[in-house]
Amino acid sequence: MARVKPTAKKLRLAKAGRESQSVPTWVIARTDGKVRVNPKQRRNWRTRKIKA
C-alpha cells in the first residue's frame, strides 16, 4: 500500500480498525452473556481484505 494515503481511505481504514475491537465487558454483563463475540472481528488481515 502507498505510504501517503488519501484522507478518505485512511478514515475508512481507521473505522475498520475500531470496529474490529472485542466486545466490552460491561456489554457482556448487561446482556447476561448473550452478546460475547463481535461479528466483524472474524476478519483476518491476511485473508479478508477491506473494501476501502
Protein backbone atom coordinates (compact mmCIF):
# COMPACT_ATOMS: atom_id res chain seq x y z
CA MET A 1 0.00 0.00 0.00
CA ALA A 2 1.12 3.53 -0.67
CA ARG A 3 2.86 5.37 2.13
CA VAL A 4 0.92 8.56 1.52
CA LYS A 5 -2.76 7.61 1.65
CA PRO A 6 -5.75 9.75 0.71
CA THR A 7 -7.54 11.08 3.79
CA ALA A 8 -10.83 9.37 2.94
CA LYS A 9 -9.15 5.97 2.61
CA LYS A 10 -7.25 6.50 5.84
CA LEU A 11 -10.52 7.30 7.66
CA ARG A 12 -12.16 4.14 6.29
CA LEU A 13 -9.20 2.01 7.41
CA ALA A 14 -9.30 3.62 10.87
CA LYS A 15 -13.03 2.88 11.16
CA ALA A 16 -12.43 -0.77 10.28
CA GLY A 17 -9.74 -0.92 12.94
CA ARG A 18 -12.11 0.47 15.58
CA GLU A 19 -14.88 -1.92 14.56
CA SER A 20 -12.62 -4.95 14.95
CA GLN A 21 -12.23 -4.45 18.71
CA SER A 22 -13.64 -7.00 21.12
CA VAL A 23 -16.97 -6.54 22.88
CA PRO A 24 -16.62 -4.58 26.16
CA THR A 25 -17.03 -6.49 29.42
CA TRP A 26 -19.94 -4.32 30.54
CA VAL A 27 -21.89 -5.28 27.40
CA ILE A 28 -21.40 -8.99 28.14
CA ALA A 29 -22.57 -8.41 31.73
CA ARG A 30 -25.54 -6.29 30.70
CA THR A 31 -26.80 -8.86 28.17
CA ASP A 32 -26.25 -11.80 30.55
CA GLY A 33 -23.61 -13.30 28.25
CA LYS A 34 -25.81 -13.39 25.14
CA VAL A 35 -23.53 -10.96 23.32
CA ARG A 36 -19.99 -12.32 23.54
CA VAL A 37 -18.35 -12.02 20.15
CA ASN A 38 -18.02 -9.19 17.67
CA PRO A 39 -19.11 -10.45 14.22
CA LYS A 40 -16.75 -8.01 12.48
CA GLN A 41 -13.78 -9.40 14.41
CA ARG A 42 -13.65 -12.51 12.22
CA ARG A 43 -11.72 -10.64 9.53
CA ASN A 44 -8.08 -11.63 9.23
CA TRP A 45 -5.56 -9.12 7.96
CA ARG A 46 -4.01 -11.60 5.55
CA THR A 47 -7.03 -13.38 4.10
CA ARG A 48 -10.02 -10.98 4.13
CA LYS A 49 -9.28 -7.57 2.71
CA ILE A 50 -11.17 -4.37 3.48
CA LYS A 51 -13.03 -2.82 0.57
CA ALA A 52 -11.70 0.66 1.21
